[in-house]
Amino acid sequence: VDGHMYSRISNPTVACVEEKIAALEGGVGALCTSSGQ
């Protein structure tokens, strides 16, 4: 099932930004990280 369990792998605020970045790039999904590296 979908949902957030712990903010080490997902968070509602971050998830919205991930969805926006995926939409901007035309992808099916995105994962935000703590740095570009």
PDB file of all heavy atoms in Angstrom:
ATOM      1  N   VAL A   1       0.854  -1.183   0.000  1.00  0.00           N
ATOM      2  CA  VAL A   1       0.000   0.000   0.000  1.00  0.00           C
ATOM      3  C   VAL A   1       0.896   1.241   0.000  1.00  0.00           C
ATOM      4  O   VAL A   1       2.049   1.187   0.433  1.00  0.00           O
ATOM      5  CB  VAL A   1      -0.951   0.055   1.221  1.00  0.00           C
ATOM      6  CG1 VAL A   1      -1.926  -1.108   1.191  1.00  0.00           C
ATOM      7  CG2 VAL A   1      -0.170   0.086   2.524  1.00  0.00           C
ATOM      8  N   ASP A   2       0.351   2.345  -0.508  1.00  0.00           N
ATOM      9  CA  ASP A   2       1.089   3.600  -0.499  1.00  0.00           C
ATOM     10  C   ASP A   2       0.901   4.314   0.835  1.00  0.00           C
ATOM     11  O   ASP A   2      -0.129   4.165   1.503  1.00  0.00           O
ATOM     12  CB  ASP A   2       0.604   4.512  -1.622  1.00  0.00           C
ATOM     13  CG  ASP A   2       0.958   3.973  -2.995  1.00  0.00           C
ATOM     14  OD1 ASP A   2       1.996   3.278  -3.098  1.00  0.00           O
ATOM     15  OD2 ASP A   2       0.215   4.244  -3.960  1.00  0.00           O
ATOM     16  N   GLY A   3       1.896   5.134   1.187  1.00  0.00           N
ATOM     17  CA  GLY A   3       1.790   5.933   2.403  1.00  0.00           C
ATOM     18  C   GLY A   3       3.162   6.235   2.975  1.00  0.00           C
ATOM     19  O   GLY A   3       4.166   5.657   2.566  1.00  0.00           O
ATOM     20  N   HIS A   4       3.185   7.159   3.913  1.00  0.00           N
ATOM     21  CA  HIS A   4       4.429   7.551   4.562  1.00  0.00           C
ATOM     22  C   HIS A   4       4.571   6.783   5.870  1.00  0.00           C
ATOM     23  O   HIS A   4       3.632   6.720   6.658  1.00  0.00           O
ATOM     24  CB  HIS A   4       4.436   9.058   4.837  1.00  0.00           C
ATOM     25  CG  HIS A   4       4.210   9.882   3.614  1.00  0.00           C
ATOM     26  ND1 HIS A   4       5.190  10.090   2.675  1.00  0.00           N
ATOM     27  CD2 HIS A   4       3.104  10.537   3.168  1.00  0.00           C
ATOM     28  CE1 HIS A   4       4.711  10.849   1.704  1.00  0.00           C
ATOM     29  NE2 HIS A   4       3.444  11.127   1.976  1.00  0.00           N
ATOM     30  N   MET A   5       5.763   6.222   6.087  1.00  0.00           N
ATOM     31  CA  MET A   5       5.987   5.515   7.345  1.00  0.00           C
ATOM     32  C   MET A   5       7.033   6.197   8.208  1.00  0.00           C
ATOM     33  O   MET A   5       6.960   6.167   9.434  1.00  0.00           O
ATOM     34  CB  MET A   5       6.387   4.060   7.087  1.00  0.00           C
ATOM     35  CG  MET A   5       7.705   3.884   6.347  1.00  0.00           C
ATOM     36  SD  MET A   5       8.173   2.156   6.146  1.00  0.00           S
ATOM     37  CE  MET A   5       7.355   1.746   4.612  1.00  0.00           C
ATOM     38  N   TYR A   6       8.015   6.812   7.547  1.00  0.00           N
ATOM     39  CA  TYR A   6       9.112   7.429   8.287  1.00  0.00           C
ATOM     40  C   TYR A   6       9.788   8.423   7.351  1.00  0.00           C
ATOM     41  O   TYR A   6       9.980   8.139   6.168  1.00  0.00           O
ATOM     42  CB  TYR A   6      10.105   6.347   8.753  1.00  0.00           C
ATOM     43  CG  TYR A   6      11.016   6.773   9.874  1.00  0.00           C
ATOM     44  CD1 TYR A   6      10.508   7.159  11.108  1.00  0.00           C
ATOM     45  CD2 TYR A   6      12.400   6.781   9.713  1.00  0.00           C
ATOM     46  CE1 TYR A   6      11.344   7.541  12.151  1.00  0.00           C
ATOM     47  CE2 TYR A   6      13.247   7.162  10.746  1.00  0.00           C
ATOM     48  CZ  TYR A   6      12.709   7.546  11.955  1.00  0.00           C
ATOM     49  OH  TYR A   6      13.538   7.924  12.987  1.00  0.00           O
ATOM     50  N   SER A   7      10.158   9.589   7.875  1.00  0.00           N
ATOM     51  CA  SER A   7      10.665  10.654   7.010  1.00  0.00           C
ATOM     52  C   SER A   7      12.108  10.460   6.563  1.00  0.00           C
ATOM     53  O   SER A   7      12.697  11.365   5.969  1.00  0.00           O
ATOM     54  CB  SER A   7      10.514  12.018   7.694  1.00  0.00           C
ATOM     55  OG  SER A   7       9.148  12.400   7.714  1.00  0.00           O
ATOM     56  N   ARG A   8      12.653   9.280   6.804  1.00  0.00           N
ATOM     57  CA  ARG A   8      13.948   8.952   6.214  1.00  0.00           C
ATOM     58  C   ARG A   8      13.805   8.587   4.742  1.00  0.00           C
ATOM     59  O   ARG A   8      14.758   8.682   3.971  1.00  0.00           O
ATOM     60  CB  ARG A   8      14.612   7.789   6.964  1.00  0.00           C
ATOM     61  CG  ARG A   8      16.072   7.568   6.562  1.00  0.00           C
ATOM     62  CD  ARG A   8      16.740   6.520   7.417  1.00  0.00           C
ATOM     63  NE  ARG A   8      16.302   5.176   7.082  1.00  0.00           N
ATOM     64  CZ  ARG A   8      15.928   4.252   7.973  1.00  0.00           C
ATOM     65  NH1 ARG A   8      15.924   4.550   9.268  1.00  0.00           N
ATOM     66  NH2 ARG A   8      15.557   3.057   7.590  1.00  0.00           N
ATOM     67  N   ILE A   9      12.604   8.159   4.334  1.00  0.00           N
ATOM     68  CA  ILE A   9      12.407   7.785   2.928  1.00  0.00           C
ATOM     69  C   ILE A   9      11.282   8.555   2.240  1.00  0.00           C
ATOM     70  O   ILE A   9      11.230   8.602   1.022  1.00  0.00           O
ATOM     71  CB  ILE A   9      12.170   6.267   2.764  1.00  0.00           C
ATOM     72  CG1 ILE A   9      10.870   5.832   3.441  1.00  0.00           C
ATOM     73  CG2 ILE A   9      13.342   5.464   3.282  1.00  0.00           C
ATOM     74  CD1 ILE A   9      10.462   4.415   3.093  1.00  0.00           C
ATOM     75  N   SER A  10      10.389   9.176   3.016  1.00  0.00           N
ATOM     76  CA  SER A  10       9.335   9.977   2.394  1.00  0.00           C
ATOM     77  C   SER A  10       8.696  10.892   3.426  1.00  0.00           C
ATOM     78  O   SER A  10       8.729  10.626   4.630  1.00  0.00           O
ATOM     79  CB  SER A  10       8.262   9.086   1.744  1.00  0.00           C
ATOM     80  OG  SER A  10       7.523   8.394   2.738  1.00  0.00           O
ATOM     81  N   ASN A  11       8.123  11.977   2.919  1.00  0.00           N
ATOM     82  CA  ASN A  11       7.488  12.986   3.758  1.00  0.00           C
ATOM     83  C   ASN A  11       6.467  13.709   2.880  1.00  0.00           C
ATOM     84  O   ASN A  11       6.727  13.936   1.692  1.00  0.00           O
ATOM     85  CB  ASN A  11       8.555  13.956   4.282  1.00  0.00           C
ATOM     86  CG  ASN A  11       7.978  15.197   4.928  1.00  0.00           C
ATOM     87  OD1 ASN A  11       7.595  16.131   4.235  1.00  0.00           O
ATOM     88  ND2 ASN A  11       7.938  15.208   6.246  1.00  0.00           N
ATOM     89  N   PRO A  12       5.309  14.086   3.393  1.00  0.00           N
ATOM     90  CA  PRO A  12       4.283  14.697   2.545  1.00  0.00           C
ATOM     91  C   PRO A  12       4.715  15.975   1.841  1.00  0.00           C
ATOM     92  O   PRO A  12       4.371  16.200   0.672  1.00  0.00           O
ATOM     93  CB  PRO A  12       3.140  14.978   3.527  1.00  0.00           C
ATOM     94  CG  PRO A  12       3.334  13.987   4.626  1.00  0.00           C
ATOM     95  CD  PRO A  12       4.809  13.826   4.767  1.00  0.00           C
ATOM     96  N   THR A  13       5.487  16.831   2.523  1.00  0.00           N
ATOM     97  CA  THR A  13       5.952  18.065   1.876  1.00  0.00           C
ATOM     98  C   THR A  13       6.923  17.745   0.752  1.00  0.00           C
ATOM     99  O   THR A  13       6.805  18.254  -0.367  1.00  0.00           O
ATOM    100  CB  THR A  13       6.634  18.991   2.905  1.00  0.00           C
ATOM    101  OG1 THR A  13       5.754  19.221   3.999  1.00  0.00           O
ATOM    102  CG2 THR A  13       7.006  20.324   2.261  1.00  0.00           C
ATOM    103  N   VAL A  14       7.886  16.871   1.059  1.00  0.00           N
ATOM    104  CA  VAL A  14       8.883  16.502   0.057  1.00  0.00           C
ATOM    105  C   VAL A  14       8.218  15.792  -1.118  1.00  0.00           C
ATOM    106  O   VAL A  14       8.584  15.995  -2.282  1.00  0.00           O
ATOM    107  CB  VAL A  14       9.994  15.626   0.672  1.00  0.00           C
ATOM    108  CG1 VAL A  14      11.095  15.360  -0.365  1.00  0.00           C
ATOM    109  CG2 VAL A  14      10.588  16.262   1.914  1.00  0.00           C
ATOM    110  N   ALA A  15       7.227  14.962  -0.821  1.00  0.00           N
ATOM    111  CA  ALA A  15       6.540  14.207  -1.876  1.00  0.00           C
ATOM    112  C   ALA A  15       5.879  15.136  -2.893  1.00  0.00           C
ATOM    113  O   ALA A  15       5.874  14.857  -4.101  1.00  0.00           O
ATOM    114  CB  ALA A  15       5.499  13.275  -1.263  1.00  0.00           C
ATOM    115  N   CYS A  16       5.319  16.243  -2.421  1.00  0.00           N
ATOM    116  CA  CYS A  16       4.702  17.200  -3.347  1.00  0.00           C
ATOM    117  C   CYS A  16       5.746  17.822  -4.273  1.00  0.00           C
ATOM    118  O   CYS A  16       5.496  18.038  -5.462  1.00  0.00           O
ATOM    119  CB  CYS A  16       3.977  18.287  -2.565  1.00  0.00           C
ATOM    120  SG  CYS A  16       2.465  17.722  -1.740  1.00  0.00           S
ATOM    121  N   VAL A  17       6.918  18.100  -3.723  1.00  0.00           N
ATOM    122  CA  VAL A  17       7.993  18.679  -4.535  1.00  0.00           C
ATOM    123  C   VAL A  17       8.521  17.637  -5.524  1.00  0.00           C
ATOM    124  O   VAL A  17       8.823  17.954  -6.679  1.00  0.00           O
ATOM    125  CB  VAL A  17       9.116  19.217  -3.633  1.00  0.00           C
ATOM    126  CG1 VAL A  17      10.256  19.787  -4.470  1.00  0.00           C
ATOM    127  CG2 VAL A  17       8.568  20.293  -2.697  1.00  0.00           C
ATOM    128  N   GLU A  18       8.616  16.393  -5.088  1.00  0.00           N
ATOM    129  CA  GLU A  18       9.029  15.316  -5.997  1.00  0.00           C
ATOM    130  C   GLU A  18       8.060  15.190  -7.167  1.00  0.00           C
ATOM    131  O   GLU A  18       8.481  15.033  -8.325  1.00  0.00           O
ATOM    132  CB  GLU A  18       9.112  13.995  -5.226  1.00  0.00           C
ATOM    133  CG  GLU A  18      10.270  13.937  -4.244  1.00  0.00           C
ATOM    134  CD  GLU A  18      10.202  12.752  -3.289  1.00  0.00           C
ATOM    135  OE1 GLU A  18       9.095  12.213  -3.078  1.00  0.00           O
ATOM    136  OE2 GLU A  18      11.256  12.375  -2.740  1.00  0.00           O
ATOM    137  N   GLU A  19       6.789  15.276  -6.873  1.00  0.00           N
ATOM    138  CA  GLU A  19       5.783  15.190  -7.938  1.00  0.00           C
ATOM    139  C   GLU A  19       5.920  16.357  -8.917  1.00  0.00           C
ATOM    140  O   GLU A  19       5.793  16.185 -10.136  1.00  0.00           O
ATOM    141  CB  GLU A  19       4.386  15.178  -7.321  1.00  0.00           C
ATOM    142  CG  GLU A  19       3.273  14.944  -8.331  1.00  0.00           C
ATOM    143  CD  GLU A  19       1.895  14.856  -7.698  1.00  0.00           C
ATOM    144  OE1 GLU A  19       1.808  14.537  -6.492  1.00  0.00           O
ATOM    145  OE2 GLU A  19       0.903  15.112  -8.410  1.00  0.00           O
ATOM    146  N   LYS A  20       6.217  17.552  -8.385  1.00  0.00           N
ATOM    147  CA  LYS A  20       6.390  18.722  -9.251  1.00  0.00           C
ATOM    148  C   LYS A  20       7.616  18.557 -10.150  1.00  0.00           C
ATOM    149  O   LYS A  20       7.556  18.835 -11.353  1.00  0.00           O
ATOM    150  CB  LYS A  20       6.521  19.992  -8.413  1.00  0.00           C
ATOM    151  CG  LYS A  20       6.803  21.240  -9.247  1.00  0.00           C
ATOM    152  CD  LYS A  20       6.738  22.518  -8.406  1.00  0.00           C
ATOM    153  CE  LYS A  20       5.309  22.831  -8.029  1.00  0.00           C
ATOM    154  NZ  LYS A  20       5.191  24.131  -7.323  1.00  0.00           N
ATOM    155  N   ILE A  21       8.733  18.110  -9.594  1.00  0.00           N
ATOM    156  CA  ILE A  21       9.952  17.937 -10.384  1.00  0.00           C
ATOM    157  C   ILE A  21       9.745  16.877 -11.459  1.00  0.00           C
ATOM    158  O   ILE A  21      10.182  17.042 -12.600  1.00  0.00           O
ATOM    159  CB  ILE A  21      11.146  17.591  -9.468  1.00  0.00           C
ATOM    160  CG1 ILE A  21      11.494  18.799  -8.584  1.00  0.00           C
ATOM    161  CG2 ILE A  21      12.359  17.163 -10.289  1.00  0.00           C
ATOM    162  CD1 ILE A  21      12.551  18.513  -7.539  1.00  0.00           C
ATOM    163  N   ALA A  22       9.066  15.774 -11.107  1.00  0.00           N
ATOM    164  CA  ALA A  22       8.768  14.741 -12.102  1.00  0.00           C
ATOM    165  C   ALA A  22       7.914  15.307 -13.229  1.00  0.00           C
ATOM    166  O   ALA A  22       8.149  15.015 -14.410  1.00  0.00           O
ATOM    167  CB  ALA A  22       8.062  13.559 -11.439  1.00  0.00           C
ATOM    168  N   ALA A  23       6.944  16.129 -12.883  1.00  0.00           N
ATOM    169  CA  ALA A  23       6.076  16.735 -13.903  1.00  0.00           C
ATOM    170  C   ALA A  23       6.862  17.700 -14.790  1.00  0.00           C
ATOM    171  O   ALA A  23       6.670  17.739 -16.007  1.00  0.00           O
ATOM    172  CB  ALA A  23       4.908  17.464 -13.236  1.00  0.00           C
ATOM    173  N   LEU A  24       7.755  18.473 -14.197  1.00  0.00           N
ATOM    174  CA  LEU A  24       8.564  19.417 -14.975  1.00  0.00           C
ATOM    175  C   LEU A  24       9.445  18.689 -15.988  1.00  0.00           C
ATOM    176  O   LEU A  24       9.616  19.142 -17.117  1.00  0.00           O
ATOM    177  CB  LEU A  24       9.423  20.266 -14.046  1.00  0.00           C
ATOM    178  CG  LEU A  24       8.698  21.357 -13.247  1.00  0.00           C
ATOM    179  CD1 LEU A  24       9.596  21.913 -12.150  1.00  0.00           C
ATOM    180  CD2 LEU A  24       8.238  22.483 -14.174  1.00  0.00           C
ATOM    181  N   GLU A  25      10.000  17.547 -15.589  1.00  0.00           N
ATOM    182  CA  GLU A  25      10.888  16.787 -16.475  1.00  0.00           C
ATOM    183  C   GLU A  25      10.131  15.825 -17.390  1.00  0.00           C
ATOM    184  O   GLU A  25      10.707  15.279 -18.327  1.00  0.00           O
ATOM    185  CB  GLU A  25      11.921  16.003 -15.656  1.00  0.00           C
ATOM    186  CG  GLU A  25      13.050  16.841 -15.088  1.00  0.00           C
ATOM    187  CD  GLU A  25      14.044  17.301 -16.144  1.00  0.00           C
ATOM    188  OE1 GLU A  25      13.805  17.052 -17.348  1.00  0.00           O
ATOM    189  OE2 GLU A  25      15.057  17.918 -15.776  1.00  0.00           O
ATOM    190  N   GLY A  26       8.851  15.595 -17.096  1.00  0.00           N
ATOM    191  CA  GLY A  26       8.086  14.648 -17.901  1.00  0.00           C
ATOM    192  C   GLY A  26       8.358  13.209 -17.526  1.00  0.00           C
ATOM    193  O   GLY A  26       8.261  12.313 -18.375  1.00  0.00           O
ATOM    194  N   GLY A  27       8.675  12.949 -16.252  1.00  0.00           N
ATOM    195  CA  GLY A  27       8.970  11.601 -15.781  1.00  0.00           C
ATOM    196  C   GLY A  27       7.812  10.967 -15.045  1.00  0.00           C
ATOM    197  O   GLY A  27       6.792  11.615 -14.779  1.00  0.00           O
ATOM    198  N   VAL A  28       7.988   9.689 -14.688  1.00  0.00           N
ATOM    199  CA  VAL A  28       6.938   8.966 -13.967  1.00  0.00           C
ATOM    200  C   VAL A  28       7.081   9.089 -12.459  1.00  0.00           C
ATOM    201  O   VAL A  28       6.169   8.746 -11.706  1.00  0.00           O
ATOM    202  CB  VAL A  28       6.918   7.470 -14.350  1.00  0.00           C
ATOM    203  CG1 VAL A  28       6.607   7.296 -15.824  1.00  0.00           C
ATOM    204  CG2 VAL A  28       8.238   6.783 -13.987  1.00  0.00           C
ATOM    205  N   GLY A  29       8.229   9.570 -12.011  1.00  0.00           N
ATOM    206  CA  GLY A  29       8.444   9.713 -10.577  1.00  0.00           C
ATOM    207  C   GLY A  29       9.794  10.330 -10.298  1.00  0.00           C
ATOM    208  O   GLY A  29      10.691  10.318 -11.141  1.00  0.00           O
ATOM    209  N   ALA A  30       9.923  10.891  -9.087  1.00  0.00           N
ATOM    210  CA  ALA A  30      11.182  11.516  -8.688  1.00  0.00           C
ATOM    211  C   ALA A  30      11.478  11.194  -7.235  1.00  0.00           C
ATOM    212  O   ALA A  30      10.568  10.890  -6.447  1.00  0.00           O
ATOM    213  CB  ALA A  30      11.134  13.026  -8.903  1.00  0.00           C
ATOM    214  N   LEU A  31      12.748  11.286  -6.890  1.00  0.00           N
ATOM    215  CA  LEU A  31      13.202  11.091  -5.518  1.00  0.00           C
ATOM    216  C   LEU A  31      14.104  12.258  -5.155  1.00  0.00           C
ATOM    217  O   LEU A  31      15.133  12.468  -5.788  1.00  0.00           O
ATOM    218  CB  LEU A  31      13.981   9.776  -5.387  1.00  0.00           C
ATOM    219  CG  LEU A  31      14.673   9.507  -4.041  1.00  0.00           C
ATOM    220  CD1 LEU A  31      13.633   9.316  -2.931  1.00  0.00           C
ATOM    221  CD2 LEU A  31      15.584   8.290  -4.133  1.00  0.00           C
ATOM    222  N   CYS A  32      13.720  13.032  -4.156  1.00  0.00           N
ATOM    223  CA  CYS A  32      14.576  14.110  -3.691  1.00  0.00           C
ATOM    224  C   CYS A  32      15.647  13.558  -2.753  1.00  0.00           C
ATOM    225  O   CYS A  32      15.405  12.602  -2.010  1.00  0.00           O
ATOM    226  CB  CYS A  32      13.757  15.187  -2.980  1.00  0.00           C
ATOM    227  SG  CYS A  32      12.885  16.298  -4.109  1.00  0.00           S
ATOM    228  N   THR A  33      16.810  14.183  -2.782  1.00  0.00           N
ATOM    229  CA  THR A  33      17.941  13.750  -1.962  1.00  0.00           C
ATOM    230  C   THR A  33      18.515  14.950  -1.219  1.00  0.00           C
ATOM    231  O   THR A  33      18.146  16.094  -1.472  1.00  0.00           O
ATOM    232  CB  THR A  33      19.041  13.113  -2.836  1.00  0.00           C
ATOM    233  OG1 THR A  33      19.566  14.117  -3.726  1.00  0.00           O
ATOM    234  CG2 THR A  33      18.490  11.955  -3.652  1.00  0.00           C
ATOM    235  N   SER A  34      19.473  14.674  -0.338  1.00  0.00           N
ATOM    236  CA  SER A  34      20.043  15.739   0.481  1.00  0.00           C
ATOM    237  C   SER A  34      21.069  16.580  -0.255  1.00  0.00           C
ATOM    238  O   SER A  34      21.499  17.615   0.247  1.00  0.00           O
ATOM    239  CB  SER A  34      20.680  15.131   1.741  1.00  0.00           C
ATOM    240  OG  SER A  34      21.667  14.177   1.374  1.00  0.00           O
ATOM    241  N   SER A  35      21.498  16.161  -1.445  1.00  0.00           N
ATOM    242  CA  SER A  35      22.440  16.942  -2.250  1.00  0.00           C
ATOM    243  C   SER A  35      22.443  16.411  -3.674  1.00  0.00           C
ATOM    244  O   SER A  35      21.965  15.301  -3.945  1.00  0.00           O
ATOM    245  CB  SER A  35      23.859  16.855  -1.673  1.00  0.00           C
ATOM    246  OG  SER A  35      24.394  15.554  -1.859  1.00  0.00           O
ATOM    247  N   GLY A  36      23.021  17.206  -4.582  1.00  0.00           N
ATOM    248  CA  GLY A  36      23.160  16.744  -5.954  1.00  0.00           C
ATOM    249  C   GLY A  36      24.119  15.575  -6.059  1.00  0.00           C
ATOM    250  O   GLY A  36      23.927  14.675  -6.885  1.00  0.00           O
ATOM    251  N   GLN A  37      25.158  15.567  -5.223  1.00  0.00           N
ATOM    252  CA  GLN A  37      26.103  14.456  -5.231  1.00  0.00           C
ATOM    253  C   GLN A  37      25.411  13.149  -4.853  1.00  0.00           C
ATOM    254  O   GLN A  37      25.668  12.098  -5.446  1.00  0.00           O
ATOM    255  CB  GLN A  37      27.252  14.725  -4.257  1.00  0.00           C
ATOM    256  CG  GLN A  37      28.252  15.759  -4.734  1.00  0.00           C
ATOM    257  CD  GLN A  37      29.048  15.286  -5.939  1.00  0.00           C
ATOM    258  OE1 GLN A  37      28.600  15.428  -7.072  1.00  0.00           O
ATOM    259  NE2 GLN A  37      30.213  14.739  -5.703  1.00  0.00           N
TER     260      GLN A  37
END
